[in-house]
Amino acid sequence: MEKFRVVNTKFWDDLWVMDLDPIEKLLFLYLLSNSHTTLAGIYELHIRKMAFETGIDREMIEKILARFQDDNKVIYKNGWLLIVNFTKNQKYNPSMIANVKKIIESLPEIVTNDSLFTQCLQPVYSLCIECIQKEEEEEKENEDESKSEIPAWEDFKNYALENDSNIDIKALELKYKAWKENDWMTGGDKPHKIKNWKSTLLNTIPHMKKEKQEPEFENGTGKKINDE
């Protein structure tokens, strides 16, 4: 599956990168952007594969990786590579955060039992948990807020009558029940969630059935008051 990885343009302004040899810069860019990378910045990749895809000699790759590890930029053990600050330089949406968590949870014991890897991965995993919990709490708050917006029938009716005293109460009650049974969604071809029931009701009232009113007559004339 095709992947997209973004390398910040500030990469070239980093003092550590500036001190790298051209071949070292090539390898580090490759580690950031090759097809095996993951959103968690840890993946399995053998040196022979790195050599084949970059054209860099295997012995040279081993020396460069050793330097990267001494500089605390990568960890490479048993065919697994971790880019130490990878997640700090990424912008994740909630779906990506969940993906990072899933990747870390699916790592083999050869990684999870190694203190070098877990020292870097544990803060990332904890942050994922925190972000996911925060998102769930916000969703629950929004859901609770949405439910609290559903008015009682008497409030609904009184507000409608304040704005149109001639509205048919039976029709109004049917509308209220329909919205409530539909999880406070409007009907029609393009239903949507009702976020502000008063505003939605005001827009709906003009199209609702009205009660019939008896005409008023002048006393003893039999003539309607509004007749000319």
N, C-alpha and C. Protein backbone atom coordinates (compact mmCIF):
# COMPACT_ATOMS: atom_id res chain seq x y z
N MET A 1 0.84 -1.19 0.00
CA MET A 1 0.00 0.00 0.00
C MET A 1 0.88 1.24 0.00
N GLU A 2 0.50 2.21 -0.78
CA GLU A 2 1.27 3.44 -0.89
C GLU A 2 1.23 4.23 0.42
N LYS A 3 2.39 4.75 0.83
CA LYS A 3 2.48 5.53 2.05
C LYS A 3 3.00 6.93 1.72
N PHE A 4 2.72 7.87 2.61
CA PHE A 4 3.23 9.22 2.47
C PHE A 4 3.96 9.60 3.75
N ARG A 5 5.19 10.05 3.62
CA ARG A 5 5.96 10.52 4.75
C ARG A 5 6.45 11.92 4.44
N VAL A 6 6.33 12.82 5.39
CA VAL A 6 6.71 14.21 5.20
C VAL A 6 8.02 14.49 5.92
N VAL A 7 8.97 15.09 5.21
CA VAL A 7 10.23 15.51 5.81
C VAL A 7 10.20 17.03 5.89
N ASN A 8 10.31 17.56 7.09
CA ASN A 8 10.26 19.00 7.30
C ASN A 8 11.47 19.66 6.63
N THR A 9 11.23 20.81 6.02
CA THR A 9 12.33 21.52 5.35
C THR A 9 13.41 21.97 6.35
N LYS A 10 13.03 22.06 7.63
CA LYS A 10 14.00 22.44 8.66
C LYS A 10 15.02 21.33 8.91
N PHE A 11 14.77 20.19 8.29
CA PHE A 11 15.72 19.07 8.38
C PHE A 11 17.12 19.55 8.01
N TRP A 12 17.20 20.37 6.97
CA TRP A 12 18.49 20.81 6.46
C TRP A 12 19.13 21.88 7.33
N ASP A 13 18.35 22.49 8.23
CA ASP A 13 18.89 23.51 9.13
C ASP A 13 19.39 22.92 10.44
N ASP A 14 19.11 21.65 10.66
CA ASP A 14 19.53 21.00 11.91
C ASP A 14 21.06 20.90 11.95
N LEU A 15 21.63 21.34 13.07
CA LEU A 15 23.09 21.37 13.18
C LEU A 15 23.69 19.97 13.08
N TRP A 16 22.98 18.98 13.63
CA TRP A 16 23.49 17.61 13.54
C TRP A 16 23.52 17.15 12.09
N VAL A 17 22.47 17.46 11.33
CA VAL A 17 22.42 17.08 9.92
C VAL A 17 23.51 17.79 9.13
N MET A 18 23.75 19.05 9.46
CA MET A 18 24.78 19.82 8.74
C MET A 18 26.16 19.17 8.85
N ASP A 19 26.39 18.51 9.98
CA ASP A 19 27.71 17.89 10.19
C ASP A 19 27.84 16.52 9.55
N LEU A 20 26.78 16.01 8.98
CA LEU A 20 26.82 14.68 8.34
C LEU A 20 27.51 14.76 6.99
N ASP A 21 28.15 13.65 6.64
CA ASP A 21 28.68 13.53 5.28
C ASP A 21 27.52 13.30 4.33
N PRO A 22 27.69 13.58 3.03
CA PRO A 22 26.61 13.37 2.07
C PRO A 22 26.02 11.97 2.12
N ILE A 23 26.84 10.97 2.26
CA ILE A 23 26.35 9.59 2.29
C ILE A 23 25.55 9.32 3.57
N GLU A 24 25.94 9.99 4.67
CA GLU A 24 25.20 9.85 5.92
C GLU A 24 23.84 10.55 5.83
N LYS A 25 23.81 11.71 5.18
CA LYS A 25 22.54 12.41 4.98
C LYS A 25 21.60 11.55 4.14
N LEU A 26 22.14 10.93 3.11
CA LEU A 26 21.32 10.06 2.26
C LEU A 26 20.72 8.92 3.07
N LEU A 27 21.52 8.28 3.91
CA LEU A 27 21.02 7.15 4.68
C LEU A 27 19.97 7.60 5.69
N PHE A 28 20.19 8.73 6.35
CA PHE A 28 19.22 9.18 7.34
C PHE A 28 17.89 9.55 6.67
N LEU A 29 17.96 10.22 5.53
CA LEU A 29 16.73 10.51 4.78
C LEU A 29 16.03 9.23 4.37
N TYR A 30 16.81 8.24 3.98
CA TYR A 30 16.25 6.95 3.60
C TYR A 30 15.53 6.31 4.79
N LEU A 31 16.14 6.39 5.98
CA LEU A 31 15.52 5.80 7.17
C LEU A 31 14.19 6.50 7.51
N LEU A 32 14.09 7.78 7.19
CA LEU A 32 12.86 8.53 7.46
C LEU A 32 11.75 8.26 6.45
N SER A 33 12.15 7.88 5.23
CA SER A 33 11.16 7.89 4.15
C SER A 33 11.02 6.59 3.36
N ASN A 34 11.72 5.53 3.73
CA ASN A 34 11.62 4.31 2.93
C ASN A 34 10.25 3.64 3.12
N SER A 35 9.96 2.67 2.28
CA SER A 35 8.63 2.05 2.25
C SER A 35 8.32 1.20 3.47
N HIS A 36 9.30 0.96 4.32
CA HIS A 36 9.08 0.12 5.51
C HIS A 36 8.74 0.95 6.75
N THR A 37 8.85 2.27 6.65
CA THR A 37 8.60 3.12 7.81
C THR A 37 7.16 2.97 8.29
N THR A 38 6.96 3.27 9.56
CA THR A 38 5.62 3.24 10.14
C THR A 38 5.38 4.57 10.86
N LEU A 39 4.14 4.80 11.22
CA LEU A 39 3.79 6.03 11.93
C LEU A 39 4.40 6.10 13.33
N ALA A 40 4.83 4.96 13.83
CA ALA A 40 5.45 4.93 15.16
C ALA A 40 6.96 5.13 15.09
N GLY A 41 7.51 5.14 13.89
CA GLY A 41 8.95 5.35 13.74
C GLY A 41 9.79 4.14 14.07
N ILE A 42 9.17 2.97 14.11
CA ILE A 42 9.89 1.73 14.37
C ILE A 42 9.45 0.68 13.37
N TYR A 43 10.41 -0.03 12.83
CA TYR A 43 10.07 -1.04 11.82
C TYR A 43 11.24 -2.02 11.65
N GLU A 44 10.93 -3.14 11.04
CA GLU A 44 11.95 -4.17 10.79
C GLU A 44 12.57 -3.94 9.42
N LEU A 45 13.89 -3.90 9.38
CA LEU A 45 14.58 -3.68 8.10
C LEU A 45 16.03 -4.16 8.23
N HIS A 46 16.41 -5.09 7.36
CA HIS A 46 17.75 -5.64 7.42
C HIS A 46 18.73 -4.80 6.61
N ILE A 47 19.97 -4.85 7.01
CA ILE A 47 21.00 -4.02 6.38
C ILE A 47 21.15 -4.35 4.90
N ARG A 48 21.01 -5.62 4.54
CA ARG A 48 21.14 -5.97 3.13
C ARG A 48 20.07 -5.27 2.28
N LYS A 49 18.88 -5.06 2.87
CA LYS A 49 17.82 -4.34 2.17
C LYS A 49 18.17 -2.86 2.05
N MET A 50 18.74 -2.28 3.10
CA MET A 50 19.17 -0.89 3.06
C MET A 50 20.23 -0.71 1.97
N ALA A 51 21.17 -1.65 1.92
CA ALA A 51 22.25 -1.57 0.95
C ALA A 51 21.71 -1.66 -0.47
N PHE A 52 20.77 -2.57 -0.68
CA PHE A 52 20.20 -2.75 -2.02
C PHE A 52 19.45 -1.51 -2.48
N GLU A 53 18.68 -0.90 -1.58
CA GLU A 53 17.83 0.23 -1.98
C GLU A 53 18.57 1.56 -2.03
N THR A 54 19.65 1.70 -1.28
CA THR A 54 20.40 2.96 -1.30
C THR A 54 21.66 2.91 -2.15
N GLY A 55 22.16 1.70 -2.38
CA GLY A 55 23.42 1.57 -3.12
C GLY A 55 24.64 1.79 -2.24
N ILE A 56 24.43 1.91 -0.94
CA ILE A 56 25.53 2.10 0.00
C ILE A 56 26.05 0.74 0.45
N ASP A 57 27.37 0.61 0.54
CA ASP A 57 28.00 -0.65 0.95
C ASP A 57 27.53 -1.06 2.35
N ARG A 58 27.33 -2.35 2.57
CA ARG A 58 26.82 -2.86 3.85
C ARG A 58 27.71 -2.46 5.01
N GLU A 59 29.01 -2.59 4.85
CA GLU A 59 29.92 -2.24 5.94
C GLU A 59 29.82 -0.75 6.27
N MET A 60 29.64 0.08 5.24
CA MET A 60 29.50 1.51 5.47
C MET A 60 28.20 1.80 6.22
N ILE A 61 27.13 1.10 5.86
CA ILE A 61 25.85 1.28 6.55
C ILE A 61 25.98 0.94 8.02
N GLU A 62 26.68 -0.16 8.33
CA GLU A 62 26.87 -0.56 9.72
C GLU A 62 27.62 0.51 10.50
N LYS A 63 28.64 1.12 9.88
CA LYS A 63 29.41 2.17 10.54
C LYS A 63 28.55 3.41 10.78
N ILE A 64 27.74 3.77 9.76
CA ILE A 64 26.89 4.96 9.88
C ILE A 64 25.82 4.75 10.94
N LEU A 65 25.22 3.56 10.95
CA LEU A 65 24.19 3.27 11.96
C LEU A 65 24.78 3.33 13.36
N ALA A 66 26.03 2.89 13.51
CA ALA A 66 26.69 2.95 14.80
C ALA A 66 26.85 4.41 15.24
N ARG A 67 27.21 5.27 14.28
CA ARG A 67 27.33 6.69 14.61
C ARG A 67 25.98 7.27 14.99
N PHE A 68 24.96 6.94 14.22
CA PHE A 68 23.61 7.44 14.52
C PHE A 68 23.16 7.01 15.91
N GLN A 69 23.53 5.77 16.27
CA GLN A 69 23.12 5.27 17.58
C GLN A 69 23.91 5.97 18.69
N ASP A 70 25.20 6.22 18.46
CA ASP A 70 26.01 6.95 19.44
C ASP A 70 25.46 8.36 19.66
N ASP A 71 24.90 8.93 18.61
CA ASP A 71 24.34 10.28 18.69
C ASP A 71 22.89 10.28 19.16
N ASN A 72 22.38 9.11 19.53
CA ASN A 72 21.01 8.94 20.03
C ASN A 72 19.96 9.38 19.00
N LYS A 73 20.21 9.07 17.75
CA LYS A 73 19.26 9.38 16.68
C LYS A 73 18.48 8.14 16.25
N VAL A 74 19.10 6.98 16.32
CA VAL A 74 18.41 5.73 15.99
C VAL A 74 18.86 4.64 16.95
N ILE A 75 18.04 3.60 17.00
CA ILE A 75 18.42 2.36 17.68
C ILE A 75 18.27 1.25 16.64
N TYR A 76 19.32 0.47 16.47
CA TYR A 76 19.24 -0.64 15.51
C TYR A 76 19.75 -1.91 16.17
N LYS A 77 18.83 -2.87 16.40
CA LYS A 77 19.18 -4.14 17.03
C LYS A 77 18.32 -5.26 16.45
N ASN A 78 18.96 -6.37 16.18
CA ASN A 78 18.25 -7.58 15.75
C ASN A 78 17.33 -7.33 14.55
N GLY A 79 17.78 -6.49 13.65
CA GLY A 79 17.01 -6.23 12.42
C GLY A 79 15.88 -5.23 12.59
N TRP A 80 15.75 -4.65 13.78
CA TRP A 80 14.70 -3.66 14.04
C TRP A 80 15.32 -2.28 14.22
N LEU A 81 14.70 -1.29 13.60
CA LEU A 81 15.22 0.07 13.66
C LEU A 81 14.18 1.01 14.24
N LEU A 82 14.61 1.86 15.17
CA LEU A 82 13.74 2.87 15.76
C LEU A 82 14.39 4.24 15.58
N ILE A 83 13.64 5.17 15.03
CA ILE A 83 14.11 6.56 14.91
C ILE A 83 13.68 7.27 16.18
N VAL A 84 14.63 7.68 16.98
CA VAL A 84 14.38 8.11 18.36
C VAL A 84 13.34 9.22 18.46
N ASN A 85 13.49 10.29 17.71
CA ASN A 85 12.57 11.43 17.83
C ASN A 85 11.55 11.51 16.70
N PHE A 86 11.26 10.38 16.09
CA PHE A 86 10.38 10.38 14.93
C PHE A 86 9.01 10.97 15.24
N THR A 87 8.37 10.50 16.31
CA THR A 87 7.00 10.95 16.61
C THR A 87 6.94 12.41 17.04
N LYS A 88 8.04 12.93 17.59
CA LYS A 88 8.06 14.33 18.01
C LYS A 88 8.01 15.29 16.82
N ASN A 89 8.40 14.79 15.67
CA ASN A 89 8.46 15.64 14.48
C ASN A 89 7.30 15.37 13.51
N GLN A 90 6.26 14.70 14.01
CA GLN A 90 5.11 14.40 13.17
C GLN A 90 3.87 15.11 13.71
N LYS A 91 2.90 15.35 12.84
CA LYS A 91 1.61 15.88 13.24
C LYS A 91 0.56 14.79 13.01
N TYR A 92 -0.02 14.32 14.10
CA TYR A 92 -0.93 13.19 14.04
C TYR A 92 -2.38 13.62 14.25
N ASN A 93 -3.28 13.03 13.46
CA ASN A 93 -4.71 13.18 13.74
C ASN A 93 -5.12 11.99 14.62
N PRO A 94 -6.35 12.00 15.16
CA PRO A 94 -6.77 10.91 16.06
C PRO A 94 -6.62 9.51 15.46
N SER A 95 -6.92 9.38 14.17
CA SER A 95 -6.80 8.08 13.53
C SER A 95 -5.34 7.61 13.49
N MET A 96 -4.43 8.54 13.24
CA MET A 96 -3.01 8.20 13.18
C MET A 96 -2.48 7.83 14.56
N ILE A 97 -2.97 8.53 15.59
CA ILE A 97 -2.56 8.22 16.97
C ILE A 97 -2.98 6.80 17.33
N ALA A 98 -4.21 6.43 16.95
CA ALA A 98 -4.69 5.07 17.20
C ALA A 98 -3.83 4.05 16.45
N ASN A 99 -3.36 4.43 15.26
CA ASN A 99 -2.50 3.54 14.48
C ASN A 99 -1.15 3.35 15.16
N VAL A 100 -0.58 4.43 15.70
CA VAL A 100 0.69 4.33 16.43
C VAL A 100 0.55 3.38 17.61
N LYS A 101 -0.53 3.53 18.35
CA LYS A 101 -0.79 2.67 19.50
C LYS A 101 -0.87 1.20 19.06
N LYS A 102 -1.57 0.96 17.97
CA LYS A 102 -1.73 -0.40 17.46
C LYS A 102 -0.39 -1.00 17.04
N ILE A 103 0.44 -0.18 16.40
CA ILE A 103 1.76 -0.65 15.96
C ILE A 103 2.61 -1.06 17.15
N ILE A 104 2.63 -0.22 18.19
CA ILE A 104 3.44 -0.51 19.38
C ILE A 104 2.94 -1.78 20.08
N GLU A 105 1.63 -1.94 20.14
CA GLU A 105 1.06 -3.12 20.80
C GLU A 105 1.34 -4.40 20.03
N SER A 106 1.61 -4.30 18.74
CA SER A 106 1.82 -5.49 17.91
C SER A 106 3.30 -5.85 17.74
N LEU A 107 4.19 -5.10 18.38
CA LEU A 107 5.63 -5.36 18.24
C LEU A 107 5.99 -6.71 18.88
N PRO A 108 6.95 -7.42 18.31
CA PRO A 108 7.35 -8.72 18.87
C PRO A 108 8.13 -8.57 20.17
N GLU A 109 8.28 -9.66 20.90
CA GLU A 109 8.98 -9.63 22.19
C GLU A 109 10.44 -9.25 22.05
N ILE A 110 11.02 -9.51 20.90
CA ILE A 110 12.43 -9.15 20.68
C ILE A 110 12.63 -7.65 20.80
N VAL A 111 11.53 -6.90 20.59
CA VAL A 111 11.57 -5.44 20.74
C VAL A 111 11.07 -5.04 22.13
N THR A 112 9.92 -5.56 22.51
CA THR A 112 9.30 -5.13 23.77
C THR A 112 10.07 -5.56 25.01
N ASN A 113 10.93 -6.58 24.87
CA ASN A 113 11.73 -7.03 26.02
C ASN A 113 13.11 -6.36 26.05
N ASP A 114 13.33 -5.45 25.12
CA ASP A 114 14.63 -4.77 25.05
C ASP A 114 14.50 -3.38 25.67
N SER A 115 15.30 -3.10 26.68
CA SER A 115 15.19 -1.84 27.42
C SER A 115 15.49 -0.62 26.55
N LEU A 116 16.39 -0.76 25.57
CA LEU A 116 16.71 0.37 24.70
C LEU A 116 15.48 0.82 23.91
N PHE A 117 14.74 -0.16 23.38
CA PHE A 117 13.54 0.16 22.61
C PHE A 117 12.43 0.69 23.53
N THR A 118 12.19 -0.02 24.63
CA THR A 118 11.06 0.35 25.48
C THR A 118 11.26 1.72 26.13
N GLN A 119 12.51 2.10 26.36
CA GLN A 119 12.79 3.41 26.94
C GLN A 119 12.28 4.53 26.03
N CYS A 120 12.35 4.32 24.73
CA CYS A 120 11.86 5.32 23.77
C CYS A 120 10.37 5.15 23.47
N LEU A 121 9.91 3.92 23.47
CA LEU A 121 8.53 3.65 23.06
C LEU A 121 7.50 3.92 24.15
N GLN A 122 7.88 3.72 25.41
CA GLN A 122 6.90 3.86 26.49
C GLN A 122 6.30 5.26 26.57
N PRO A 123 7.10 6.33 26.49
CA PRO A 123 6.49 7.68 26.51
C PRO A 123 5.55 7.92 25.33
N VAL A 124 5.90 7.39 24.17
CA VAL A 124 5.05 7.54 22.98
C VAL A 124 3.73 6.81 23.19
N TYR A 125 3.81 5.58 23.72
CA TYR A 125 2.61 4.78 23.96
C TYR A 125 1.71 5.46 24.99
N SER A 126 2.32 5.98 26.06
CA SER A 126 1.55 6.66 27.10
C SER A 126 0.85 7.89 26.55
N LEU A 127 1.54 8.61 25.66
CA LEU A 127 0.94 9.79 25.04
C LEU A 127 -0.24 9.40 24.16
N CYS A 128 -0.11 8.28 23.45
CA CYS A 128 -1.21 7.78 22.62
C CYS A 128 -2.44 7.49 23.47
N ILE A 129 -2.22 6.79 24.58
CA ILE A 129 -3.32 6.46 25.49
C ILE A 129 -3.99 7.74 25.98
N GLU A 130 -3.18 8.70 26.37
CA GLU A 130 -3.70 9.97 26.88
C GLU A 130 -4.53 10.70 25.82
N CYS A 131 -4.02 10.75 24.60
CA CYS A 131 -4.74 11.43 23.50
C CYS A 131 -6.05 10.73 23.17
N ILE A 132 -6.03 9.40 23.14
CA ILE A 132 -7.24 8.64 22.82
C ILE A 132 -8.28 8.83 23.91
N GLN A 133 -7.85 8.79 25.17
CA GLN A 133 -8.78 8.99 26.28
C GLN A 133 -9.37 10.40 26.24
N LYS A 134 -8.55 11.38 25.91
CA LYS A 134 -9.03 12.76 25.82
C LYS A 134 -10.07 12.89 24.72
N GLU A 135 -9.80 12.24 23.58
CA GLU A 135 -10.75 12.30 22.46
C GLU A 135 -12.07 11.64 22.85
N GLU A 136 -11.99 10.50 23.54
CA GLU A 136 -13.21 9.80 23.96
C GLU A 136 -14.01 10.65 24.95
N GLU A 137 -13.30 11.32 25.85
CA GLU A 137 -13.98 12.18 26.82
C GLU A 137 -14.67 13.35 26.13
N GLU A 138 -14.00 13.94 25.12
CA GLU A 138 -14.59 15.05 24.38
C GLU A 138 -15.82 14.60 23.61
N GLU A 139 -15.74 13.40 23.02
CA GLU A 139 -16.89 12.86 22.29
C GLU A 139 -18.07 12.64 23.24
N LYS A 140 -17.76 12.14 24.43
CA LYS A 140 -18.83 11.90 25.42
C LYS A 140 -19.43 13.23 25.87
N GLU A 141 -18.58 14.24 26.09
CA GLU A 141 -19.07 15.55 26.49
C GLU A 141 -19.97 16.14 25.42
N ASN A 142 -19.55 15.98 24.16
CA ASN A 142 -20.35 16.50 23.04
C ASN A 142 -21.68 15.76 22.95
N GLU A 143 -21.62 14.45 23.21
CA GLU A 143 -22.84 13.64 23.17
C GLU A 143 -23.79 14.05 24.29
N ASP A 144 -23.22 14.24 25.49
CA ASP A 144 -24.04 14.65 26.63
C ASP A 144 -24.63 16.04 26.41
N GLU A 145 -23.80 16.92 25.81
CA GLU A 145 -24.27 18.28 25.53
C GLU A 145 -25.40 18.25 24.51
N SER A 146 -25.24 17.37 23.51
CA SER A 146 -26.27 17.25 22.49
C SER A 146 -27.58 16.75 23.09
N LYS A 147 -27.47 15.76 24.02
CA LYS A 147 -28.67 15.23 24.66
C LYS A 147 -29.33 16.29 25.53
N SER A 148 -28.52 17.13 26.18
CA SER A 148 -29.08 18.15 27.06
C SER A 148 -29.81 19.22 26.27
N GLU A 149 -29.55 19.29 24.97
CA GLU A 149 -30.21 20.28 24.13
C GLU A 149 -31.64 19.88 23.78
N ILE A 150 -32.00 18.63 24.03
CA ILE A 150 -33.36 18.19 23.72
C ILE A 150 -34.32 18.75 24.77
N PRO A 151 -35.24 19.60 24.38
CA PRO A 151 -36.12 20.25 25.35
C PRO A 151 -37.27 19.33 25.77
N ALA A 152 -37.87 19.66 26.91
CA ALA A 152 -39.09 18.98 27.32
C ALA A 152 -40.23 19.45 26.40
N TRP A 153 -41.27 18.62 26.29
CA TRP A 153 -42.38 18.95 25.40
C TRP A 153 -43.01 20.30 25.74
N GLU A 154 -43.19 20.59 27.01
CA GLU A 154 -43.82 21.84 27.41
C GLU A 154 -42.99 23.05 26.99
N ASP A 155 -41.67 22.95 27.12
CA ASP A 155 -40.79 24.05 26.70
C ASP A 155 -40.85 24.22 25.18
N PHE A 156 -40.87 23.09 24.49
CA PHE A 156 -40.94 23.09 23.03
C PHE A 156 -42.24 23.76 22.56
N LYS A 157 -43.34 23.34 23.17
CA LYS A 157 -44.65 23.87 22.81
C LYS A 157 -44.75 25.37 23.12
N ASN A 158 -44.33 25.75 24.31
CA ASN A 158 -44.45 27.15 24.72
C ASN A 158 -43.62 28.07 23.84
N TYR A 159 -42.44 27.60 23.46
CA TYR A 159 -41.60 28.43 22.59
C TYR A 159 -42.24 28.58 21.22
N ALA A 160 -42.86 27.51 20.73
CA ALA A 160 -43.53 27.57 19.43
C ALA A 160 -44.71 28.54 19.49
N LEU A 161 -45.49 28.48 20.55
CA LEU A 161 -46.66 29.35 20.69
C LEU A 161 -46.28 30.82 20.88
N GLU A 162 -45.12 31.05 21.49
CA GLU A 162 -44.64 32.42 21.65
C GLU A 162 -44.36 33.06 20.29
N ASN A 163 -44.00 32.22 19.34
CA ASN A 163 -43.63 32.73 18.03
C ASN A 163 -44.74 32.58 16.99
N ASP A 164 -45.73 31.74 17.29
CA ASP A 164 -46.87 31.59 16.40
C ASP A 164 -48.02 30.99 17.21
N SER A 165 -48.88 31.84 17.72
CA SER A 165 -49.97 31.38 18.58
C SER A 165 -51.03 30.61 17.82
N ASN A 166 -50.96 30.63 16.50
CA ASN A 166 -51.97 29.96 15.68
C ASN A 166 -51.52 28.59 15.18
N ILE A 167 -50.38 28.12 15.68
CA ILE A 167 -49.89 26.83 15.19
C ILE A 167 -50.76 25.69 15.71
N ASP A 168 -50.92 24.67 14.90
CA ASP A 168 -51.72 23.50 15.27
C ASP A 168 -50.94 22.66 16.28
N ILE A 169 -51.47 22.52 17.49
CA ILE A 169 -50.77 21.83 18.57
C ILE A 169 -50.51 20.37 18.25
N LYS A 170 -51.48 19.74 17.60
CA LYS A 170 -51.32 18.33 17.26
C LYS A 170 -50.17 18.14 16.27
N ALA A 171 -50.11 19.03 15.28
CA ALA A 171 -49.02 18.95 14.30
C ALA A 171 -47.68 19.22 14.98
N LEU A 172 -47.69 20.16 15.92
CA LEU A 172 -46.47 20.49 16.65
C LEU A 172 -45.99 19.29 17.48
N GLU A 173 -46.93 18.62 18.12
CA GLU A 173 -46.58 17.47 18.94
C GLU A 173 -46.02 16.33 18.08
N LEU A 174 -46.60 16.12 16.92
CA LEU A 174 -46.09 15.09 16.00
C LEU A 174 -44.68 15.40 15.56
N LYS A 175 -44.40 16.69 15.31
CA LYS A 175 -43.05 17.10 14.90
C LYS A 175 -42.06 16.84 16.02
N TYR A 176 -42.44 17.19 17.24
CA TYR A 176 -41.58 16.97 18.40
C TYR A 176 -41.25 15.48 18.58
N LYS A 177 -42.28 14.64 18.49
CA LYS A 177 -42.07 13.21 18.65
C LYS A 177 -41.20 12.63 17.54
N ALA A 178 -41.41 13.12 16.33
CA ALA A 178 -40.63 12.63 15.18
C ALA A 178 -39.15 12.96 15.36
N TRP A 179 -38.85 14.18 15.77
CA TRP A 179 -37.45 14.57 15.98
C TRP A 179 -36.83 13.78 17.13
N LYS A 180 -37.58 13.60 18.18
CA LYS A 180 -37.05 12.91 19.35
C LYS A 180 -36.79 11.43 19.05
N GLU A 181 -37.73 10.79 18.37
CA GLU A 181 -37.58 9.36 18.04
C GLU A 181 -36.46 9.14 17.02
N ASN A 182 -36.14 10.20 16.26
CA ASN A 182 -35.09 10.10 15.24
C ASN A 182 -33.75 10.59 15.79
N ASP A 183 -33.59 10.51 17.13
CA ASP A 183 -32.34 10.91 17.78
C ASP A 183 -32.04 12.38 17.54
N TRP A 184 -33.11 13.18 17.59
CA TRP A 184 -33.03 14.63 17.41
C TRP A 184 -32.39 15.00 16.08
N MET A 185 -32.89 14.35 15.03
CA MET A 185 -32.48 14.62 13.65
C MET A 185 -33.69 15.12 12.89
N THR A 186 -33.45 16.02 11.95
CA THR A 186 -34.53 16.47 11.09
C THR A 186 -34.87 15.38 10.08
N GLY A 187 -36.03 15.49 9.46
CA GLY A 187 -36.41 14.51 8.44
C GLY A 187 -36.11 15.05 7.05
N GLY A 188 -36.82 14.56 6.07
CA GLY A 188 -36.63 15.03 4.70
C GLY A 188 -35.53 14.31 3.96
N ASP A 189 -35.19 14.84 2.78
CA ASP A 189 -34.18 14.21 1.93
C ASP A 189 -32.77 14.39 2.49
N LYS A 190 -32.55 15.48 3.23
CA LYS A 190 -31.23 15.76 3.76
C LYS A 190 -31.30 15.97 5.28
N PRO A 191 -31.50 14.90 6.03
CA PRO A 191 -31.60 15.03 7.49
C PRO A 191 -30.27 15.48 8.11
N HIS A 192 -30.34 16.22 9.18
CA HIS A 192 -29.14 16.65 9.88
C HIS A 192 -29.40 16.74 11.37
N LYS A 193 -28.34 16.68 12.15
CA LYS A 193 -28.44 16.76 13.60
C LYS A 193 -28.91 18.15 14.02
N ILE A 194 -29.88 18.20 14.92
CA ILE A 194 -30.38 19.48 15.40
C ILE A 194 -29.49 19.95 16.55
N LYS A 195 -28.71 20.99 16.30
CA LYS A 195 -27.80 21.50 17.32
C LYS A 195 -28.44 22.64 18.11
N ASN A 196 -29.29 23.41 17.45
CA ASN A 196 -29.99 24.49 18.12
C ASN A 196 -31.48 24.33 17.83
N TRP A 197 -32.21 23.73 18.78
CA TRP A 197 -33.60 23.36 18.51
C TRP A 197 -34.49 24.58 18.31
N LYS A 198 -34.17 25.69 18.99
CA LYS A 198 -35.00 26.89 18.84
C LYS A 198 -34.89 27.45 17.43
N SER A 199 -33.66 27.54 16.94
CA SER A 199 -33.46 28.05 15.59
C SER A 199 -34.12 27.13 14.55
N THR A 200 -33.96 25.81 14.73
CA THR A 200 -34.56 24.85 13.80
C THR A 200 -36.08 24.94 13.84
N LEU A 201 -36.63 25.09 15.04
CA LEU A 201 -38.09 25.18 15.18
C LEU A 201 -38.62 26.45 14.52
N LEU A 202 -37.92 27.56 14.68
CA LEU A 202 -38.35 28.81 14.05
C LEU A 202 -38.39 28.69 12.53
N ASN A 203 -37.43 27.94 11.98
CA ASN A 203 -37.40 27.75 10.53
C ASN A 203 -38.48 26.78 10.06
N THR A 204 -38.98 25.96 10.98
CA THR A 204 -39.96 24.93 10.63
C THR A 204 -41.40 25.44 10.79
N ILE A 205 -41.64 26.30 11.77
CA ILE A 205 -42.99 26.78 12.08
C ILE A 205 -43.76 27.32 10.87
N PRO A 206 -43.14 28.14 10.01
CA PRO A 206 -43.91 28.69 8.89
C PRO A 206 -44.49 27.63 7.96
N HIS A 207 -43.91 26.44 7.98
CA HIS A 207 -44.35 25.38 7.07
C HIS A 207 -45.30 24.39 7.75
N MET A 208 -45.65 24.65 9.00
CA MET A 208 -46.51 23.73 9.73
C MET A 208 -47.98 24.14 9.66
N LYS A 209 -48.83 23.18 9.89
CA LYS A 209 -50.27 23.38 9.85
C LYS A 209 -50.71 24.37 10.93
N LYS A 210 -51.70 25.20 10.60
CA LYS A 210 -52.23 26.18 11.55
C LYS A 210 -53.61 25.77 12.02
N GLU A 211 -54.00 26.25 13.21
CA GLU A 211 -55.34 26.01 13.70
C GLU A 211 -56.32 26.92 12.97
N LYS A 212 -57.56 26.45 12.79
CA LYS A 212 -58.59 27.26 12.16
C LYS A 212 -59.15 28.23 13.18
N GLN A 213 -59.32 29.47 12.76
CA GLN A 213 -59.88 30.48 13.65
C GLN A 213 -61.27 30.88 13.17
N GLU A 214 -62.20 31.02 14.13
CA GLU A 214 -63.54 31.47 13.79
C GLU A 214 -63.49 32.97 13.45
N PRO A 215 -64.14 33.41 12.39
CA PRO A 215 -64.14 34.84 12.05
C PRO A 215 -64.87 35.64 13.10
N GLU A 216 -64.40 36.86 13.35
CA GLU A 216 -65.02 37.75 14.32
C GLU A 216 -66.00 38.68 13.61
N PHE A 217 -67.19 38.95 14.23
CA PHE A 217 -68.22 39.80 13.63
C PHE A 217 -68.48 41.02 14.51
N GLU A 218 -68.86 42.09 13.85
CA GLU A 218 -69.29 43.26 14.59
C GLU A 218 -70.63 42.95 15.25
N ASN A 219 -70.83 43.46 16.43
CA ASN A 219 -72.04 43.18 17.19
C ASN A 219 -73.31 43.53 16.41
N GLY A 220 -74.15 42.49 16.20
CA GLY A 220 -75.46 42.70 15.59
C GLY A 220 -75.45 43.00 14.12
N THR A 221 -74.30 43.01 13.47
CA THR A 221 -74.27 43.36 12.04
C THR A 221 -74.18 42.16 11.14
N GLY A 222 -73.60 41.06 11.67
CA GLY A 222 -73.36 39.90 10.83
C GLY A 222 -72.24 40.12 9.84
N LYS A 223 -71.52 41.22 10.01
CA LYS A 223 -70.44 41.54 9.07
C LYS A 223 -69.09 41.26 9.74
N LYS A 224 -68.17 40.57 9.01
CA LYS A 224 -66.86 40.29 9.53
C LYS A 224 -66.14 41.59 9.77
N ILE A 225 -65.37 41.62 10.84
CA ILE A 225 -64.66 42.83 11.22
C ILE A 225 -63.70 43.28 10.13
N ASN A 226 -63.06 42.32 9.48
CA ASN A 226 -62.05 42.67 8.46
C ASN A 226 -62.64 42.96 7.08
N ASP A 227 -63.99 42.74 6.94
CA ASP A 227 -64.60 43.00 5.64
C ASP A 227 -64.74 44.49 5.42
N GLU A 228 -64.50 44.93 4.19
CA GLU A 228 -64.67 46.35 3.87
C GLU A 228 -66.11 46.60 3.44
